[in-house]
């Protein structure tokens, strides 16, 4: 069984660079996050793209030329999910209420 280090080193360096750039841009965008939160969103975006990039590309039957674009999109998506969770965790009851109201079709008025 391959170790995580072997798996990481088998990735092309250019793909890792694209993922790191997109995750960095995503971590720098929100102005209301602390440095710790920015680092956390970078790491989550980076790992989402590294872990789910190839399996998702294969499931969608995309050619190898889509690999870098898919990696960038997944890095930003993972970062967005991390920011949502961080913001929701600041007020979990209020966030849960908003999500339930949205699910039930009630407006946020």
N, C-alpha and C. Protein backbone atom coordinates (compact mmCIF):
# COMPACT_ATOMS: atom_id res chain seq x y z
N UNK A 1 0.85 -1.18 0.00
CA UNK A 1 0.00 0.00 0.00
C UNK A 1 0.89 1.24 0.00
N UNK A 2 0.53 2.20 -0.83
CA UNK A 2 1.32 3.43 -0.93
C UNK A 2 1.07 4.32 0.28
N UNK A 3 2.11 4.96 0.73
CA UNK A 3 1.95 5.90 1.82
C UNK A 3 1.48 7.24 1.26
N UNK A 4 1.07 8.12 2.12
CA UNK A 4 0.59 9.43 1.71
C UNK A 4 1.71 10.22 1.04
N UNK A 5 2.91 10.10 1.54
CA UNK A 5 4.05 10.81 0.96
C UNK A 5 4.32 10.33 -0.47
N UNK A 6 4.28 9.00 -0.67
CA UNK A 6 4.48 8.46 -2.02
C UNK A 6 3.40 8.95 -2.97
N UNK A 7 2.16 8.97 -2.50
CA UNK A 7 1.05 9.44 -3.32
C UNK A 7 1.22 10.92 -3.69
N UNK A 8 1.63 11.72 -2.71
CA UNK A 8 1.83 13.14 -2.94
C UNK A 8 2.98 13.39 -3.91
N UNK A 9 4.08 12.65 -3.76
CA UNK A 9 5.24 12.83 -4.62
C UNK A 9 4.99 12.33 -6.05
N UNK A 10 4.00 11.48 -6.24
CA UNK A 10 3.67 10.99 -7.57
C UNK A 10 2.88 12.02 -8.38
N UNK A 11 2.35 13.03 -7.72
CA UNK A 11 1.60 14.09 -8.42
C UNK A 11 2.55 14.97 -9.20
N UNK A 12 2.12 15.46 -10.37
CA UNK A 12 2.98 16.39 -11.12
C UNK A 12 3.15 17.70 -10.35
N UNK A 13 4.36 18.24 -10.38
CA UNK A 13 4.66 19.47 -9.65
C UNK A 13 3.81 20.64 -10.15
N UNK A 14 3.55 20.68 -11.45
CA UNK A 14 2.74 21.77 -11.99
C UNK A 14 1.31 21.71 -11.47
N UNK A 15 0.77 20.52 -11.30
CA UNK A 15 -0.58 20.38 -10.76
C UNK A 15 -0.62 20.83 -9.30
N UNK A 16 0.39 20.47 -8.54
CA UNK A 16 0.46 20.90 -7.14
C UNK A 16 0.56 22.42 -7.07
N UNK A 17 1.33 23.02 -7.99
CA UNK A 17 1.46 24.48 -8.01
C UNK A 17 0.13 25.15 -8.33
N UNK A 18 -0.62 24.62 -9.31
CA UNK A 18 -1.93 25.19 -9.66
C UNK A 18 -2.87 25.10 -8.47
N UNK A 19 -2.89 23.97 -7.81
CA UNK A 19 -3.76 23.80 -6.63
C UNK A 19 -3.37 24.78 -5.54
N UNK A 20 -2.07 24.92 -5.28
CA UNK A 20 -1.61 25.84 -4.24
C UNK A 20 -1.95 27.29 -4.57
N UNK A 21 -1.83 27.66 -5.85
CA UNK A 21 -2.16 29.04 -6.25
C UNK A 21 -3.65 29.32 -6.06
N UNK A 22 -4.51 28.42 -6.52
CA UNK A 22 -5.95 28.64 -6.36
C UNK A 22 -6.35 28.63 -4.89
N UNK A 23 -5.78 27.73 -4.10
CA UNK A 23 -6.11 27.70 -2.67
C UNK A 23 -5.61 28.96 -1.97
N UNK A 24 -4.46 29.49 -2.39
CA UNK A 24 -3.93 30.74 -1.81
C UNK A 24 -4.81 31.93 -2.15
N UNK A 25 -5.23 32.01 -3.40
CA UNK A 25 -6.12 33.10 -3.80
C UNK A 25 -7.41 33.03 -3.00
N UNK A 26 -7.95 31.83 -2.87
CA UNK A 26 -9.18 31.66 -2.10
C UNK A 26 -9.01 32.02 -0.64
N UNK A 27 -7.87 31.69 -0.06
CA UNK A 27 -7.64 32.00 1.35
C UNK A 27 -7.43 33.49 1.57
N UNK A 28 -6.95 34.20 0.56
CA UNK A 28 -6.68 35.63 0.69
C UNK A 28 -7.93 36.49 0.47
N UNK A 29 -8.97 35.94 -0.14
CA UNK A 29 -10.14 36.74 -0.51
C UNK A 29 -10.98 37.25 0.66
N UNK A 30 -11.43 36.39 1.59
CA UNK A 30 -12.30 36.92 2.64
C UNK A 30 -11.54 37.81 3.62
N UNK A 31 -12.10 38.95 3.93
CA UNK A 31 -11.43 39.91 4.81
C UNK A 31 -11.75 39.70 6.29
N UNK A 32 -12.76 38.88 6.59
CA UNK A 32 -13.18 38.72 7.98
C UNK A 32 -12.57 37.50 8.67
N UNK A 33 -11.60 36.85 8.04
CA UNK A 33 -11.00 35.66 8.64
C UNK A 33 -9.67 35.99 9.31
N UNK A 34 -9.40 35.29 10.39
CA UNK A 34 -8.12 35.45 11.09
C UNK A 34 -7.04 34.69 10.32
N UNK A 35 -5.77 34.94 10.62
CA UNK A 35 -4.70 34.17 9.96
C UNK A 35 -4.84 32.66 10.15
N UNK A 36 -5.29 32.24 11.32
CA UNK A 36 -5.51 30.81 11.57
C UNK A 36 -6.59 30.26 10.65
N UNK A 37 -7.69 31.02 10.49
CA UNK A 37 -8.78 30.59 9.62
C UNK A 37 -8.34 30.57 8.16
N UNK A 38 -7.52 31.53 7.76
CA UNK A 38 -7.01 31.55 6.39
C UNK A 38 -6.14 30.33 6.11
N UNK A 39 -5.28 29.97 7.06
CA UNK A 39 -4.44 28.79 6.90
C UNK A 39 -5.29 27.52 6.81
N UNK A 40 -6.33 27.46 7.64
CA UNK A 40 -7.21 26.31 7.63
C UNK A 40 -7.95 26.20 6.30
N UNK A 41 -8.46 27.32 5.77
CA UNK A 41 -9.17 27.26 4.50
C UNK A 41 -8.22 26.92 3.35
N UNK A 42 -6.97 27.39 3.41
CA UNK A 42 -5.99 27.01 2.39
C UNK A 42 -5.77 25.51 2.42
N UNK A 43 -5.54 24.95 3.59
CA UNK A 43 -5.26 23.53 3.72
C UNK A 43 -6.44 22.69 3.24
N UNK A 44 -7.65 23.06 3.62
CA UNK A 44 -8.82 22.29 3.22
C UNK A 44 -9.02 22.37 1.71
N UNK A 45 -8.87 23.56 1.13
CA UNK A 45 -8.98 23.68 -0.32
C UNK A 45 -7.91 22.89 -1.05
N UNK A 46 -6.69 22.94 -0.54
CA UNK A 46 -5.57 22.20 -1.14
C UNK A 46 -5.84 20.70 -1.10
N UNK A 47 -6.25 20.21 0.05
CA UNK A 47 -6.49 18.77 0.19
C UNK A 47 -7.71 18.31 -0.60
N UNK A 48 -8.74 19.14 -0.69
CA UNK A 48 -9.92 18.76 -1.48
C UNK A 48 -9.54 18.56 -2.94
N UNK A 49 -8.72 19.44 -3.46
CA UNK A 49 -8.29 19.31 -4.86
C UNK A 49 -7.35 18.12 -5.05
N UNK A 50 -6.48 17.88 -4.10
CA UNK A 50 -5.54 16.77 -4.23
C UNK A 50 -6.25 15.42 -4.14
N UNK A 51 -7.19 15.31 -3.23
CA UNK A 51 -7.85 14.02 -2.99
C UNK A 51 -8.93 13.73 -4.02
N UNK A 52 -9.76 14.72 -4.33
CA UNK A 52 -10.93 14.45 -5.17
C UNK A 52 -10.75 14.79 -6.64
N UNK A 53 -9.61 15.36 -7.03
CA UNK A 53 -9.41 15.79 -8.41
C UNK A 53 -9.49 14.67 -9.43
N UNK A 54 -8.64 13.69 -9.28
CA UNK A 54 -8.60 12.58 -10.26
C UNK A 54 -9.86 11.72 -10.22
N UNK A 55 -10.36 11.32 -9.03
CA UNK A 55 -11.58 10.50 -9.04
C UNK A 55 -12.78 11.22 -9.69
N UNK A 56 -12.93 12.50 -9.42
CA UNK A 56 -14.04 13.24 -10.01
C UNK A 56 -13.88 13.38 -11.51
N UNK A 57 -12.66 13.61 -11.97
CA UNK A 57 -12.41 13.71 -13.41
C UNK A 57 -12.73 12.39 -14.10
N UNK A 58 -12.39 11.27 -13.47
CA UNK A 58 -12.67 9.96 -14.05
C UNK A 58 -14.15 9.65 -14.04
N UNK A 59 -14.85 10.02 -12.96
CA UNK A 59 -16.30 9.78 -12.90
C UNK A 59 -17.02 10.58 -13.98
N UNK A 60 -16.58 11.79 -14.23
CA UNK A 60 -17.20 12.63 -15.25
C UNK A 60 -16.68 12.33 -16.65
N UNK A 61 -15.80 11.35 -16.78
CA UNK A 61 -15.24 10.92 -18.07
C UNK A 61 -14.58 12.07 -18.83
N UNK A 62 -13.79 12.85 -18.13
CA UNK A 62 -13.08 13.96 -18.76
C UNK A 62 -11.67 13.53 -19.11
N UNK A 63 -11.12 14.12 -20.15
CA UNK A 63 -9.76 13.78 -20.57
C UNK A 63 -8.73 14.38 -19.61
N UNK A 64 -7.47 14.00 -19.82
CA UNK A 64 -6.39 14.50 -18.95
C UNK A 64 -6.21 16.00 -19.07
N UNK A 65 -6.64 16.58 -20.16
CA UNK A 65 -6.47 18.03 -20.34
C UNK A 65 -7.33 18.84 -19.36
N UNK A 66 -8.32 18.21 -18.75
CA UNK A 66 -9.18 18.87 -17.77
C UNK A 66 -8.62 18.82 -16.35
N UNK A 67 -7.52 18.13 -16.14
CA UNK A 67 -7.02 17.88 -14.78
C UNK A 67 -6.68 19.16 -14.03
N UNK A 68 -6.01 20.10 -14.69
CA UNK A 68 -5.60 21.33 -13.99
C UNK A 68 -6.79 22.23 -13.69
N UNK A 69 -7.70 22.35 -14.63
CA UNK A 69 -8.90 23.15 -14.39
C UNK A 69 -9.76 22.56 -13.28
N UNK A 70 -9.91 21.25 -13.29
CA UNK A 70 -10.68 20.57 -12.25
C UNK A 70 -10.01 20.76 -10.89
N UNK A 71 -8.69 20.72 -10.84
CA UNK A 71 -7.96 20.92 -9.58
C UNK A 71 -8.19 22.33 -9.04
N UNK A 72 -8.14 23.34 -9.91
CA UNK A 72 -8.38 24.71 -9.48
C UNK A 72 -9.79 24.92 -8.97
N UNK A 73 -10.76 24.35 -9.66
CA UNK A 73 -12.16 24.47 -9.24
C UNK A 73 -12.36 23.79 -7.89
N UNK A 74 -11.81 22.61 -7.72
CA UNK A 74 -11.96 21.91 -6.44
C UNK A 74 -11.24 22.63 -5.30
N UNK A 75 -10.12 23.27 -5.58
CA UNK A 75 -9.43 24.03 -4.53
C UNK A 75 -10.30 25.18 -4.05
N UNK A 76 -10.93 25.89 -4.98
CA UNK A 76 -11.81 27.00 -4.59
C UNK A 76 -13.08 26.49 -3.90
N UNK A 77 -13.63 25.37 -4.38
CA UNK A 77 -14.83 24.81 -3.78
C UNK A 77 -14.56 24.33 -2.36
N UNK A 78 -13.45 23.65 -2.16
CA UNK A 78 -13.09 23.21 -0.81
C UNK A 78 -12.89 24.38 0.13
N UNK A 79 -12.27 25.44 -0.37
CA UNK A 79 -12.07 26.64 0.42
C UNK A 79 -13.41 27.28 0.77
N UNK A 80 -14.33 27.34 -0.19
CA UNK A 80 -15.66 27.91 0.07
C UNK A 80 -16.42 27.11 1.12
N UNK A 81 -16.33 25.80 1.06
CA UNK A 81 -16.99 24.98 2.08
C UNK A 81 -16.37 25.22 3.46
N UNK A 82 -15.06 25.36 3.51
CA UNK A 82 -14.41 25.62 4.79
C UNK A 82 -14.83 26.97 5.36
N UNK A 83 -14.92 28.00 4.52
CA UNK A 83 -15.35 29.32 5.00
C UNK A 83 -16.79 29.26 5.49
N UNK A 84 -17.65 28.55 4.76
CA UNK A 84 -19.04 28.41 5.20
C UNK A 84 -19.11 27.75 6.57
N UNK A 85 -18.36 26.68 6.76
CA UNK A 85 -18.37 25.98 8.04
C UNK A 85 -17.82 26.86 9.15
N UNK A 86 -16.75 27.60 8.87
CA UNK A 86 -16.20 28.51 9.89
C UNK A 86 -17.21 29.58 10.29
N UNK A 87 -17.88 30.15 9.30
CA UNK A 87 -18.86 31.19 9.61
C UNK A 87 -20.07 30.61 10.31
N UNK A 88 -20.48 29.42 9.92
CA UNK A 88 -21.64 28.79 10.57
C UNK A 88 -21.31 28.37 12.00
N UNK A 89 -20.06 28.01 12.26
CA UNK A 89 -19.70 27.55 13.60
C UNK A 89 -19.63 28.71 14.60
N UNK A 90 -19.57 29.94 14.12
CA UNK A 90 -19.57 31.08 15.04
C UNK A 90 -20.94 31.26 15.68
N UNK A 91 -22.00 30.89 14.96
CA UNK A 91 -23.37 30.93 15.48
C UNK A 91 -24.11 29.69 14.97
N UNK A 92 -23.85 28.53 15.58
CA UNK A 92 -24.43 27.30 15.04
C UNK A 92 -25.96 27.26 15.10
N UNK A 93 -26.56 27.81 16.14
CA UNK A 93 -28.01 27.80 16.26
C UNK A 93 -28.63 28.68 15.18
N UNK A 94 -28.09 29.87 15.00
CA UNK A 94 -28.61 30.77 13.97
C UNK A 94 -28.42 30.20 12.57
N UNK A 95 -27.28 29.58 12.33
CA UNK A 95 -27.03 28.99 11.02
C UNK A 95 -27.96 27.81 10.77
N UNK A 96 -28.18 27.00 11.79
CA UNK A 96 -29.12 25.88 11.65
C UNK A 96 -30.53 26.37 11.37
N UNK A 97 -30.92 27.44 12.03
CA UNK A 97 -32.26 28.00 11.81
C UNK A 97 -32.39 28.52 10.37
N UNK A 98 -31.37 29.19 9.87
CA UNK A 98 -31.40 29.70 8.50
C UNK A 98 -31.48 28.55 7.50
N UNK A 99 -30.68 27.50 7.72
CA UNK A 99 -30.72 26.35 6.81
C UNK A 99 -32.07 25.65 6.83
N UNK A 100 -32.65 25.47 8.01
CA UNK A 100 -33.97 24.85 8.10
C UNK A 100 -35.04 25.70 7.43
N UNK A 101 -34.98 27.01 7.62
CA UNK A 101 -35.94 27.88 6.96
C UNK A 101 -35.79 27.82 5.44
N UNK A 102 -34.57 27.77 4.97
CA UNK A 102 -34.32 27.65 3.53
C UNK A 102 -34.86 26.33 3.00
N UNK A 103 -34.62 25.25 3.75
CA UNK A 103 -35.07 23.93 3.33
C UNK A 103 -36.60 23.88 3.29
N UNK A 104 -37.24 24.49 4.24
CA UNK A 104 -38.71 24.49 4.30
C UNK A 104 -39.33 25.47 3.33
N UNK A 105 -38.54 26.27 2.66
CA UNK A 105 -39.05 27.19 1.66
C UNK A 105 -39.49 28.52 2.20
N UNK A 106 -39.16 28.81 3.45
CA UNK A 106 -39.52 30.10 4.04
C UNK A 106 -38.51 31.14 3.61
N UNK A 107 -38.97 32.36 3.41
CA UNK A 107 -38.03 33.42 3.06
C UNK A 107 -37.27 33.86 4.31
N UNK A 108 -36.13 34.49 4.12
CA UNK A 108 -35.28 34.92 5.23
C UNK A 108 -35.67 36.26 5.81
N UNK A 109 -36.95 36.64 5.75
CA UNK A 109 -37.40 37.95 6.24
C UNK A 109 -37.58 37.95 7.73
